[in-house]
Structure formats: C-alpha cells, structure tokens
N, C-alpha and C. Protein backbone atom coordinates (compact mmCIF):
# COMPACT_ATOMS: atom_id res chain seq x y z
N MET A 1 -32.06 23.72 -0.22
CA MET A 1 -31.32 23.21 0.95
C MET A 1 -29.87 23.46 0.61
N SER A 2 -29.51 23.68 1.58
CA SER A 2 -27.47 23.73 1.25
C SER A 2 -26.61 22.83 1.14
N SER A 3 -25.91 22.92 0.32
CA SER A 3 -24.56 21.88 0.07
C SER A 3 -24.13 21.04 1.03
N LYS A 4 -24.09 22.03 2.33
CA LYS A 4 -23.48 21.61 3.30
C LYS A 4 -24.76 20.40 4.12
N ILE A 5 -25.78 20.46 4.14
CA ILE A 5 -26.79 19.67 4.58
C ILE A 5 -26.50 18.16 3.55
N PHE A 6 -26.39 18.28 2.19
CA PHE A 6 -26.18 17.19 1.38
C PHE A 6 -24.99 16.33 2.14
N THR A 7 -23.98 17.20 2.08
CA THR A 7 -22.33 16.54 2.50
C THR A 7 -22.63 16.17 3.75
N ASP A 8 -23.38 16.03 4.69
CA ASP A 8 -23.75 15.95 6.09
C ASP A 8 -24.47 14.50 5.78
N ILE A 9 -25.32 14.48 5.25
CA ILE A 9 -26.03 13.34 4.94
C ILE A 9 -25.41 12.13 4.11
N GLY A 10 -24.42 12.48 3.38
CA GLY A 10 -23.42 11.55 2.62
C GLY A 10 -22.81 11.24 3.77
N ASN A 11 -22.01 11.82 4.57
CA ASN A 11 -21.40 11.34 5.59
C ASN A 11 -21.96 10.63 6.43
N ILE A 12 -23.44 10.64 6.72
CA ILE A 12 -23.88 9.98 7.62
C ILE A 12 -24.03 8.39 6.97
N LEU A 13 -24.68 8.55 5.71
CA LEU A 13 -24.79 7.34 4.93
C LEU A 13 -23.48 6.34 4.85
N LYS A 14 -22.37 7.03 4.83
CA LYS A 14 -21.06 6.30 4.49
C LYS A 14 -20.65 5.82 5.66
N THR A 15 -20.94 6.15 7.28
CA THR A 15 -20.60 5.66 8.51
C THR A 15 -21.03 4.61 8.68
N GLY A 16 -22.21 3.88 8.05
CA GLY A 16 -22.69 2.61 7.89
C GLY A 16 -21.46 1.95 7.30
N ASP A 17 -20.93 1.91 6.26
CA ASP A 17 -20.41 1.19 5.47
C ASP A 17 -18.72 1.12 6.08
N ARG A 18 -18.63 2.12 6.63
CA ARG A 18 -16.98 2.24 7.32
C ARG A 18 -17.34 1.24 8.60
N ILE A 19 -18.35 1.09 9.42
CA ILE A 19 -18.39 0.54 10.32
C ILE A 19 -18.78 -1.11 10.09
N ARG A 20 -19.31 -1.50 9.10
CA ARG A 20 -19.32 -2.70 8.46
C ARG A 20 -18.11 -2.99 8.06
N LYS A 21 -17.18 -2.36 7.39
CA LYS A 21 -15.96 -2.63 6.66
C LYS A 21 -14.88 -3.05 7.94
N ILE A 22 -15.20 -2.28 9.39
CA ILE A 22 -13.94 -2.84 10.35
C ILE A 22 -14.57 -4.28 11.06
N ARG A 23 -15.90 -4.32 10.91
CA ARG A 23 -16.21 -5.54 11.72
C ARG A 23 -15.53 -6.66 10.53
N GLU A 24 -16.32 -6.61 8.97
CA GLU A 24 -15.60 -7.66 8.58
C GLU A 24 -14.23 -7.77 8.56
N ARG A 25 -13.49 -6.80 8.52
CA ARG A 25 -11.75 -6.95 8.82
C ARG A 25 -11.42 -7.63 10.05
N LEU A 26 -12.33 -7.44 10.94
CA LEU A 26 -12.18 -8.06 12.04
C LEU A 26 -12.55 -9.55 12.03
N GLY A 27 -13.36 -9.87 11.09
CA GLY A 27 -13.84 -10.86 11.09
C GLY A 27 -14.81 -11.35 12.09
N LEU A 28 -15.91 -10.56 12.12
CA LEU A 28 -16.65 -10.54 13.46
C LEU A 28 -18.11 -10.49 12.57
N THR A 29 -19.11 -11.14 13.37
CA THR A 29 -20.80 -11.03 13.25
C THR A 29 -20.92 -9.98 13.84
N GLN A 30 -22.42 -9.35 13.61
CA GLN A 30 -22.98 -8.17 14.27
C GLN A 30 -22.87 -8.40 15.72
N GLN A 31 -23.45 -9.56 16.04
CA GLN A 31 -23.34 -10.10 17.28
C GLN A 31 -21.74 -9.96 18.12
N GLU A 32 -21.28 -10.56 17.50
CA GLU A 32 -19.69 -10.65 18.42
C GLU A 32 -19.10 -9.42 18.34
N LEU A 33 -19.19 -8.18 17.30
CA LEU A 33 -18.57 -6.90 17.51
C LEU A 33 -19.72 -6.08 18.61
N ALA A 34 -21.08 -6.60 18.71
CA ALA A 34 -22.10 -5.94 19.61
C ALA A 34 -21.45 -6.31 21.06
N GLY A 35 -20.87 -7.39 21.39
CA GLY A 35 -20.64 -8.15 22.45
C GLY A 35 -19.25 -7.53 23.21
N LYS A 36 -18.48 -7.20 22.02
CA LYS A 36 -17.14 -6.45 22.23
C LYS A 36 -17.37 -4.87 22.62
N VAL A 37 -18.42 -4.41 22.01
CA VAL A 37 -18.42 -2.86 22.26
C VAL A 37 -19.35 -2.54 23.17
N GLY A 38 -20.15 -3.72 23.63
CA GLY A 38 -21.57 -3.68 24.98
C GLY A 38 -22.88 -2.91 24.49
N VAL A 39 -23.17 -3.30 23.31
CA VAL A 39 -24.34 -2.78 22.94
C VAL A 39 -25.35 -3.96 22.08
N THR A 40 -26.48 -3.99 21.48
CA THR A 40 -26.84 -5.35 21.07
C THR A 40 -26.45 -5.41 19.85
N ALA A 41 -27.01 -6.75 19.01
CA ALA A 41 -26.70 -6.74 17.56
C ALA A 41 -27.77 -6.31 16.52
N ALA A 42 -28.91 -6.01 17.17
CA ALA A 42 -29.79 -4.78 16.45
C ALA A 42 -29.09 -3.43 16.56
N SER A 43 -28.31 -3.05 17.61
CA SER A 43 -27.79 -1.93 17.24
C SER A 43 -26.86 -1.48 16.25
N ILE A 44 -26.15 -2.85 16.53
CA ILE A 44 -24.97 -2.67 15.31
C ILE A 44 -25.31 -2.85 13.89
N ASN A 45 -26.53 -3.36 13.66
CA ASN A 45 -27.53 -3.43 12.32
C ASN A 45 -27.59 -2.25 11.90
N ARG A 46 -28.45 -1.37 13.08
CA ARG A 46 -28.90 -0.40 12.63
C ARG A 46 -27.46 0.73 12.07
N TYR A 47 -26.19 0.78 13.06
CA TYR A 47 -25.30 1.53 12.65
C TYR A 47 -25.09 1.30 11.50
N GLU A 48 -24.72 0.04 10.84
CA GLU A 48 -24.07 -0.34 9.25
C GLU A 48 -25.04 0.41 8.42
N LYS A 49 -26.67 0.41 8.67
CA LYS A 49 -27.64 0.90 8.18
C LYS A 49 -27.65 2.55 7.92
N GLY A 50 -26.22 3.13 8.69
CA GLY A 50 -26.24 4.80 8.93
C GLY A 50 -26.64 5.58 9.84
N ARG A 51 -27.00 4.54 10.88
CA ARG A 51 -27.45 5.57 12.14
C ARG A 51 -26.27 5.73 12.87
N VAL A 52 -25.88 6.64 13.44
CA VAL A 52 -24.65 7.23 14.26
C VAL A 52 -25.05 6.56 15.65
N PRO A 53 -24.01 6.16 16.09
CA PRO A 53 -24.05 5.77 17.64
C PRO A 53 -24.54 7.06 18.28
N LYS A 54 -25.18 7.04 19.10
CA LYS A 54 -25.81 8.44 20.29
C LYS A 54 -24.54 8.50 21.22
N ARG A 55 -24.17 7.53 21.88
CA ARG A 55 -22.97 7.57 22.72
C ARG A 55 -21.20 7.55 22.12
N LYS A 56 -20.88 8.39 22.56
CA LYS A 56 -19.85 8.78 22.19
C LYS A 56 -18.68 7.44 22.28
N ASP A 57 -18.90 7.08 23.70
CA ASP A 57 -18.14 5.71 24.23
C ASP A 57 -18.20 4.58 23.08
N ILE A 58 -19.63 4.32 22.76
CA ILE A 58 -19.73 3.36 21.84
C ILE A 58 -19.13 3.27 20.22
N LEU A 59 -19.04 4.74 19.89
CA LEU A 59 -18.18 4.94 18.82
C LEU A 59 -16.45 5.06 19.11
N ASN A 60 -16.19 5.32 19.90
CA ASN A 60 -15.04 5.01 20.32
C ASN A 60 -14.49 3.65 20.60
N ARG A 61 -15.05 2.85 21.00
CA ARG A 61 -14.68 1.32 21.32
C ARG A 61 -14.84 0.74 19.81
N ILE A 62 -15.94 1.19 19.03
CA ILE A 62 -15.95 0.96 17.51
C ILE A 62 -14.54 0.97 16.83
N ALA A 63 -14.07 2.30 17.05
CA ALA A 63 -12.90 3.11 16.47
C ALA A 63 -11.81 2.12 16.87
N GLU A 64 -11.84 1.50 18.14
CA GLU A 64 -10.44 1.39 19.01
C GLU A 64 -10.37 0.05 18.66
N LEU A 65 -11.25 -0.88 18.28
CA LEU A 65 -11.51 -2.14 17.63
C LEU A 65 -10.92 -2.38 16.22
N GLY A 66 -11.41 -1.29 15.22
CA GLY A 66 -10.82 -1.28 14.05
C GLY A 66 -9.28 -0.21 13.93
N ASN A 67 -8.78 0.25 14.93
CA ASN A 67 -7.76 0.68 14.65
C ASN A 67 -7.63 1.77 13.71
N VAL A 68 -8.86 2.89 14.08
CA VAL A 68 -9.01 3.74 13.54
C VAL A 68 -9.46 4.98 14.10
N THR A 69 -9.62 6.24 14.03
CA THR A 69 -10.33 7.34 14.55
C THR A 69 -11.78 7.01 14.51
N SER A 70 -12.51 7.77 15.65
CA SER A 70 -13.87 8.00 15.61
C SER A 70 -14.23 9.08 14.34
N GLU A 71 -13.04 9.92 14.31
CA GLU A 71 -13.46 11.09 13.11
C GLU A 71 -13.36 10.37 11.90
N TRP A 72 -12.53 9.23 11.36
CA TRP A 72 -12.76 8.75 10.15
C TRP A 72 -13.92 7.59 9.71
N ILE A 73 -14.48 6.98 11.06
CA ILE A 73 -15.83 6.53 11.22
C ILE A 73 -16.65 7.53 10.54
N LEU A 74 -16.65 8.34 10.99
CA LEU A 74 -18.18 9.45 10.50
C LEU A 74 -17.60 10.19 9.52
N LYS A 75 -16.65 10.81 9.12
CA LYS A 75 -16.43 11.66 8.15
C LYS A 75 -15.60 11.13 6.82
N GLY A 76 -14.82 10.08 7.53
CA GLY A 76 -14.07 9.47 6.66
C GLY A 76 -12.50 10.51 6.41
N GLU A 77 -12.08 11.10 7.43
CA GLU A 77 -11.25 12.01 7.70
C GLU A 77 -10.55 11.56 8.80
N GLY A 78 -9.05 11.70 8.84
CA GLY A 78 -8.34 11.06 9.80
C GLY A 78 -7.83 10.17 9.54
N THR A 79 -7.21 8.88 10.62
CA THR A 79 -6.56 7.74 10.50
C THR A 79 -7.63 6.88 9.88
N ALA A 80 -7.43 6.62 8.24
CA ALA A 80 -8.27 5.58 7.67
C ALA A 80 -7.82 4.46 8.04
N ALA A 81 -9.01 3.04 8.07
CA ALA A 81 -8.78 1.84 8.24
C ALA A 81 -7.87 1.18 6.95
N PRO A 82 -7.38 0.12 7.07
CA PRO A 82 -6.65 -0.72 5.77
C PRO A 82 -7.63 -1.26 4.96
N PRO A 83 -7.36 -2.14 4.00
CA PRO A 83 -8.36 -2.60 2.97
C PRO A 83 -9.18 -3.30 4.09
N ALA A 84 -10.42 -3.39 3.58
CA ALA A 84 -11.52 -4.21 4.74
C ALA A 84 -11.56 -5.49 4.42
N THR A 85 -11.09 -6.05 2.72
CA THR A 85 -11.57 -7.33 2.70
C THR A 85 -10.08 -8.43 2.34
N ALA A 86 -10.99 -9.51 2.60
CA ALA A 86 -9.73 -10.38 2.31
C ALA A 86 -8.87 -10.55 1.02
N GLU A 87 -10.05 -10.08 0.13
CA GLU A 87 -9.12 -10.25 -1.52
C GLU A 87 -8.23 -9.26 -1.59
N HIS A 88 -8.44 -7.94 -1.29
CA HIS A 88 -7.35 -7.19 -1.20
C HIS A 88 -6.60 -6.46 -0.10
N ALA A 89 -6.48 -7.55 0.72
CA ALA A 89 -5.17 -7.36 2.02
C ALA A 89 -4.79 -8.49 2.61
N PRO A 90 -3.50 -8.61 2.42
CA PRO A 90 -3.10 -9.83 2.79
C PRO A 90 -3.21 -10.38 4.41
N VAL A 91 -3.63 -11.71 4.52
CA VAL A 91 -4.16 -12.37 5.84
C VAL A 91 -3.14 -11.18 6.64
N SER A 92 -2.09 -11.16 6.85
CA SER A 92 -0.99 -10.67 7.61
C SER A 92 -1.36 -9.31 7.93
N TYR A 93 -1.86 -8.65 6.72
CA TYR A 93 -1.79 -7.12 7.20
C TYR A 93 -2.04 -6.48 8.61
N THR A 94 -3.38 -6.97 9.55
CA THR A 94 -3.60 -6.75 10.75
C THR A 94 -2.35 -7.09 11.88
N LEU A 95 -1.98 -8.23 11.34
CA LEU A 95 -0.87 -8.73 12.12
C LEU A 95 0.45 -8.24 12.71
N LEU A 96 0.52 -7.69 11.60
CA LEU A 96 2.20 -6.70 11.30
C LEU A 96 1.90 -5.76 11.83
N SER A 97 0.81 -4.89 11.81
CA SER A 97 0.62 -3.67 12.55
C SER A 97 1.10 -3.61 13.74
N GLN A 98 1.21 -4.77 14.62
CA GLN A 98 1.72 -4.88 16.11
C GLN A 98 3.01 -5.66 16.37
N ASP A 99 3.58 -6.00 17.42
CA ASP A 99 4.82 -6.48 17.32
C ASP A 99 4.03 -8.04 17.58
N LEU A 100 4.73 -9.05 17.02
CA LEU A 100 3.84 -10.27 17.22
C LEU A 100 4.51 -10.82 18.62
N ASP A 101 3.97 -11.73 18.94
CA ASP A 101 3.96 -12.22 20.29
C ASP A 101 4.41 -13.70 19.73
N GLU A 102 5.50 -14.12 19.56
CA GLU A 102 6.07 -15.73 18.87
C GLU A 102 5.54 -16.73 19.35
N ASP A 103 5.33 -16.84 20.93
CA ASP A 103 4.79 -18.02 21.51
C ASP A 103 3.80 -17.79 21.66
N ALA A 104 3.00 -16.92 21.40
CA ALA A 104 1.39 -16.88 21.60
C ALA A 104 0.72 -17.47 20.17
N LEU A 105 1.42 -16.86 18.82
CA LEU A 105 1.42 -17.14 17.85
C LEU A 105 1.80 -18.83 17.53
N ALA A 106 2.82 -19.16 18.05
CA ALA A 106 2.95 -20.74 17.99
C ALA A 106 2.16 -21.56 18.51
N HIS A 107 1.22 -21.26 19.61
CA HIS A 107 0.39 -21.78 20.75
C HIS A 107 -0.71 -21.73 19.90
N VAL A 108 -1.30 -20.60 18.95
CA VAL A 108 -2.66 -20.23 18.24
C VAL A 108 -2.51 -21.47 16.95
N LEU A 109 -1.25 -21.38 16.60
CA LEU A 109 -0.92 -22.58 14.98
C LEU A 109 -1.40 -23.71 15.59
N LEU A 110 -0.61 -24.42 16.94
CA LEU A 110 -0.85 -25.93 17.47
C LEU A 110 -2.38 -25.79 17.72
N LEU A 111 -2.85 -25.12 18.19
CA LEU A 111 -4.66 -25.32 18.60
C LEU A 111 -5.31 -25.13 17.25
N ALA A 112 -4.77 -24.27 16.26
CA ALA A 112 -5.60 -24.51 14.71
C ALA A 112 -5.48 -25.91 14.43
N ARG A 113 -4.14 -26.19 14.08
CA ARG A 113 -4.07 -27.56 13.54
C ARG A 113 -4.34 -28.72 14.36
N ASP A 114 -4.38 -28.74 15.81
CA ASP A 114 -5.06 -29.52 16.72
C ASP A 114 -6.85 -29.47 16.35
N TRP A 115 -7.44 -28.54 16.43
CA TRP A 115 -8.85 -28.43 16.11
C TRP A 115 -8.97 -28.95 14.69
N LEU A 116 -8.57 -28.37 13.45
CA LEU A 116 -8.71 -28.99 12.17
C LEU A 116 -8.20 -30.50 12.43
N ARG A 117 -7.51 -31.37 12.95
CA ARG A 117 -7.57 -32.54 13.08
C ARG A 117 -8.47 -33.43 13.87
N ARG A 118 -8.51 -33.14 14.78
CA ARG A 118 -9.56 -33.59 15.76
C ARG A 118 -11.33 -33.79 14.90
N HIS A 119 -11.29 -32.43 14.25
CA HIS A 119 -12.45 -32.35 13.56
C HIS A 119 -12.66 -32.91 11.86
N ARG A 120 -11.69 -33.54 11.58
CA ARG A 120 -11.10 -34.02 10.31
C ARG A 120 -11.60 -33.04 9.11
N ASP A 121 -10.81 -31.52 9.58
CA ASP A 121 -11.79 -30.61 8.76
C ASP A 121 -10.32 -30.57 7.38
N LYS A 122 -11.00 -30.51 6.51
CA LYS A 122 -10.09 -29.96 5.37
C LYS A 122 -10.10 -28.87 4.73
N ILE A 123 -8.94 -27.96 4.84
CA ILE A 123 -9.12 -26.29 4.74
C ILE A 123 -7.99 -26.23 3.69
N SER A 124 -8.26 -25.42 2.60
CA SER A 124 -7.02 -24.71 2.01
C SER A 124 -5.76 -24.41 2.90
N PRO A 125 -4.45 -24.04 2.23
CA PRO A 125 -3.87 -23.65 3.35
C PRO A 125 -3.77 -21.99 3.33
N ARG A 126 -4.43 -21.11 2.62
CA ARG A 126 -4.85 -19.83 2.69
C ARG A 126 -5.97 -19.69 4.03
N GLY A 127 -7.03 -20.96 3.74
CA GLY A 127 -7.99 -20.90 4.66
C GLY A 127 -7.52 -21.01 6.23
N GLU A 128 -6.60 -21.95 6.34
CA GLU A 128 -5.91 -21.78 7.46
C GLU A 128 -5.24 -20.68 7.82
N ALA A 129 -4.34 -19.96 7.09
CA ALA A 129 -3.72 -18.86 7.37
C ALA A 129 -4.70 -18.10 8.07
N LYS A 130 -6.00 -18.16 7.25
CA LYS A 130 -6.66 -16.95 7.73
C LYS A 130 -7.24 -17.31 9.13
N LEU A 131 -7.50 -18.64 9.33
CA LEU A 131 -8.29 -19.06 10.80
C LEU A 131 -7.01 -18.73 11.89
N ILE A 132 -6.19 -18.81 11.28
CA ILE A 132 -4.42 -18.76 12.53
C ILE A 132 -4.65 -17.25 12.47
N ALA A 133 -4.97 -16.39 11.36
CA ALA A 133 -5.04 -14.92 12.01
C ALA A 133 -6.07 -14.79 12.92
N LYS A 134 -7.51 -15.09 12.41
CA LYS A 134 -8.61 -14.77 13.24
C LYS A 134 -8.35 -15.13 14.69
N MET A 135 -7.63 -16.56 14.91
CA MET A 135 -7.31 -16.70 16.08
C MET A 135 -6.56 -16.02 17.02
N TYR A 136 -5.33 -15.59 16.17
CA TYR A 136 -4.47 -15.07 16.78
C TYR A 136 -4.83 -13.40 17.34
N ARG A 137 -5.82 -12.79 16.29
CA ARG A 137 -6.47 -11.66 16.68
C ARG A 137 -7.39 -11.79 17.57
N HIS A 138 -7.74 -12.76 17.93
CA HIS A 138 -8.85 -13.06 19.18
C HIS A 138 -8.11 -12.92 20.32
N TRP A 139 -6.62 -13.76 20.44
CA TRP A 139 -5.88 -13.46 21.41
C TRP A 139 -5.29 -12.11 21.69
N LEU A 140 -5.32 -11.34 20.84
CA LEU A 140 -4.61 -10.07 20.93
C LEU A 140 -5.94 -9.17 21.54
N THR A 141 -7.01 -9.22 21.35
CA THR A 141 -8.22 -8.74 21.61
C THR A 141 -8.37 -8.95 23.12
N ASP A 142 -8.81 -10.41 23.15
CA ASP A 142 -9.40 -11.12 24.55
C ASP A 142 -8.28 -11.66 25.45
N LYS A 143 -7.12 -11.30 25.24
CA LYS A 143 -6.33 -11.70 26.08
C LYS A 143 -6.42 -13.44 26.18
N GLU A 144 -6.96 -14.34 25.83
CA GLU A 144 -6.98 -15.18 26.18
C GLU A 144 -7.22 -16.34 24.96
N TYR A 145 -6.65 -17.28 24.98
CA TYR A 145 -6.76 -18.42 23.83
C TYR A 145 -8.18 -18.52 23.31
N PRO A 146 -8.37 -19.08 21.94
CA PRO A 146 -9.42 -19.15 21.77
C PRO A 146 -9.97 -20.95 22.08
N ASP A 147 -11.36 -21.14 22.94
CA ASP A 147 -11.61 -22.39 23.04
C ASP A 147 -12.20 -23.19 21.59
N ASP A 148 -12.82 -24.12 22.19
CA ASP A 148 -13.21 -24.91 20.88
C ASP A 148 -14.57 -24.18 20.16
N ARG A 149 -15.51 -23.81 20.91
CA ARG A 149 -16.70 -22.98 20.33
C ARG A 149 -16.05 -22.02 19.56
N VAL A 150 -14.90 -20.98 20.13
CA VAL A 150 -14.68 -20.00 19.27
C VAL A 150 -13.96 -20.43 18.23
N ILE A 151 -13.28 -21.26 18.23
CA ILE A 151 -12.28 -21.69 17.16
C ILE A 151 -13.60 -22.04 16.03
N ALA A 152 -14.68 -22.76 16.30
CA ALA A 152 -15.72 -23.50 15.33
C ALA A 152 -16.35 -22.21 14.38
N ALA A 153 -16.83 -21.19 15.56
CA ALA A 153 -17.38 -19.71 15.13
C ALA A 153 -16.09 -19.20 14.00
N LEU A 154 -15.17 -19.39 14.42
CA LEU A 154 -14.04 -18.42 13.53
C LEU A 154 -13.86 -19.36 12.25
N ARG A 155 -13.82 -20.70 12.52
CA ARG A 155 -13.78 -21.42 11.27
C ARG A 155 -14.86 -21.26 9.99
N ARG A 156 -16.14 -21.28 10.76
CA ARG A 156 -17.47 -20.96 9.90
C ARG A 156 -17.39 -19.59 9.00
N ALA A 157 -16.94 -18.40 9.91
CA ALA A 157 -16.60 -17.10 9.31
C ALA A 157 -15.57 -17.33 7.85
N VAL A 158 -14.53 -18.09 8.08
CA VAL A 158 -13.36 -18.24 7.07
C VAL A 158 -14.22 -19.22 5.88
N GLU A 159 -15.04 -20.07 6.31
CA GLU A 159 -15.82 -21.11 5.32
C GLU A 159 -16.50 -19.83 4.40
N ARG A 160 -17.43 -19.15 5.21
CA ARG A 160 -18.31 -18.02 4.30
C ARG A 160 -17.23 -17.54 3.60
N LYS A 161 -16.43 -16.77 4.02
CA LYS A 161 -15.60 -15.96 3.00
C LYS A 161 -14.66 -17.01 1.95
N GLU A 162 -14.65 -18.04 2.00
CA GLU A 162 -13.93 -18.76 0.96
C GLU A 162 -15.30 -19.60 -0.60
N GLU A 163 -16.44 -19.33 0.24
CA GLU A 163 -17.60 -19.57 -0.83
C GLU A 163 -17.81 -18.88 -2.12
C-alpha cells in the first residue's frame, strides 16, 4: 500500500476526534448536536467513531457550529478549533470570539441565578460561570433564551464535567 493511503486512513480516523471535540466544546450531547445538524444521534455517534458524513451540507453545518472549516474537520488543515476542553480553555474563550450582547448576557445571568435559586442548587463560582456561558451560547445559536428544561440540561452537562 502507498503511504498516501495510510495518510488518508489516518485523516479519517482523526475526523471523528475533531467532530467530538467540537461537540464537547459546545457543551452538547450527541442528541443535541444531531438536532442542530439535522441528523440522528446514531449518525453523530458514527461520525465520532470516524465515519465521514456523506452529505457535504451536514459536514458544513458541523463546521459552522464549531466555528471551523470543513477542511479542518476532514484533514486538520485550515482554521482549527480553539482548545476543546474546559480544563485548557477559559470559559469566556468562545464568548470573546464575537461581540458580546451585554443586555442578553445580563438576561442570561438573571435566568441562571433565578433557576439556581428556585432549585436550591449549590454550584461553585466556576460552575456558575460555565452554566452562564453555555446559556449565552444557547442564546447565540438559537436566538432564544433557554427555558427551564434547557437550563436543566445545561446544568447537568456542567455537573458531569465538574465530577
């Protein structure tokens, strides 16, 4: 076999890791990413295991959500993603990549604190910051403020990462 074939196989295997990193950086479950992209959670699972999306529009949607190029997802070339894990990236990293809507951020802050108070939820200051960042990202992506159900899901995602 030629070395090009081995290189291509290596790039395919890394594709799944890059898609998973995008999903984790966004703080989404496979189901949530699937809903935003328009595929099933099983498809996202297959993509994360290395299967390349057959439809270019699906790949482009994942790239757009992750603020990367489809070329980066496929080959690791082009515009790369910021650090994928919360341990290596400040919470505000993705928030600072765009102009902040201070009114929206203030509203999200009030929603988060109200939700935490109503649920008598004790959370660390860093956890609260992560929750607020996830809620603001939700507002940026969906152009609507998160409801109680969405906040609960985002809180669970923060909790899983803090364990």
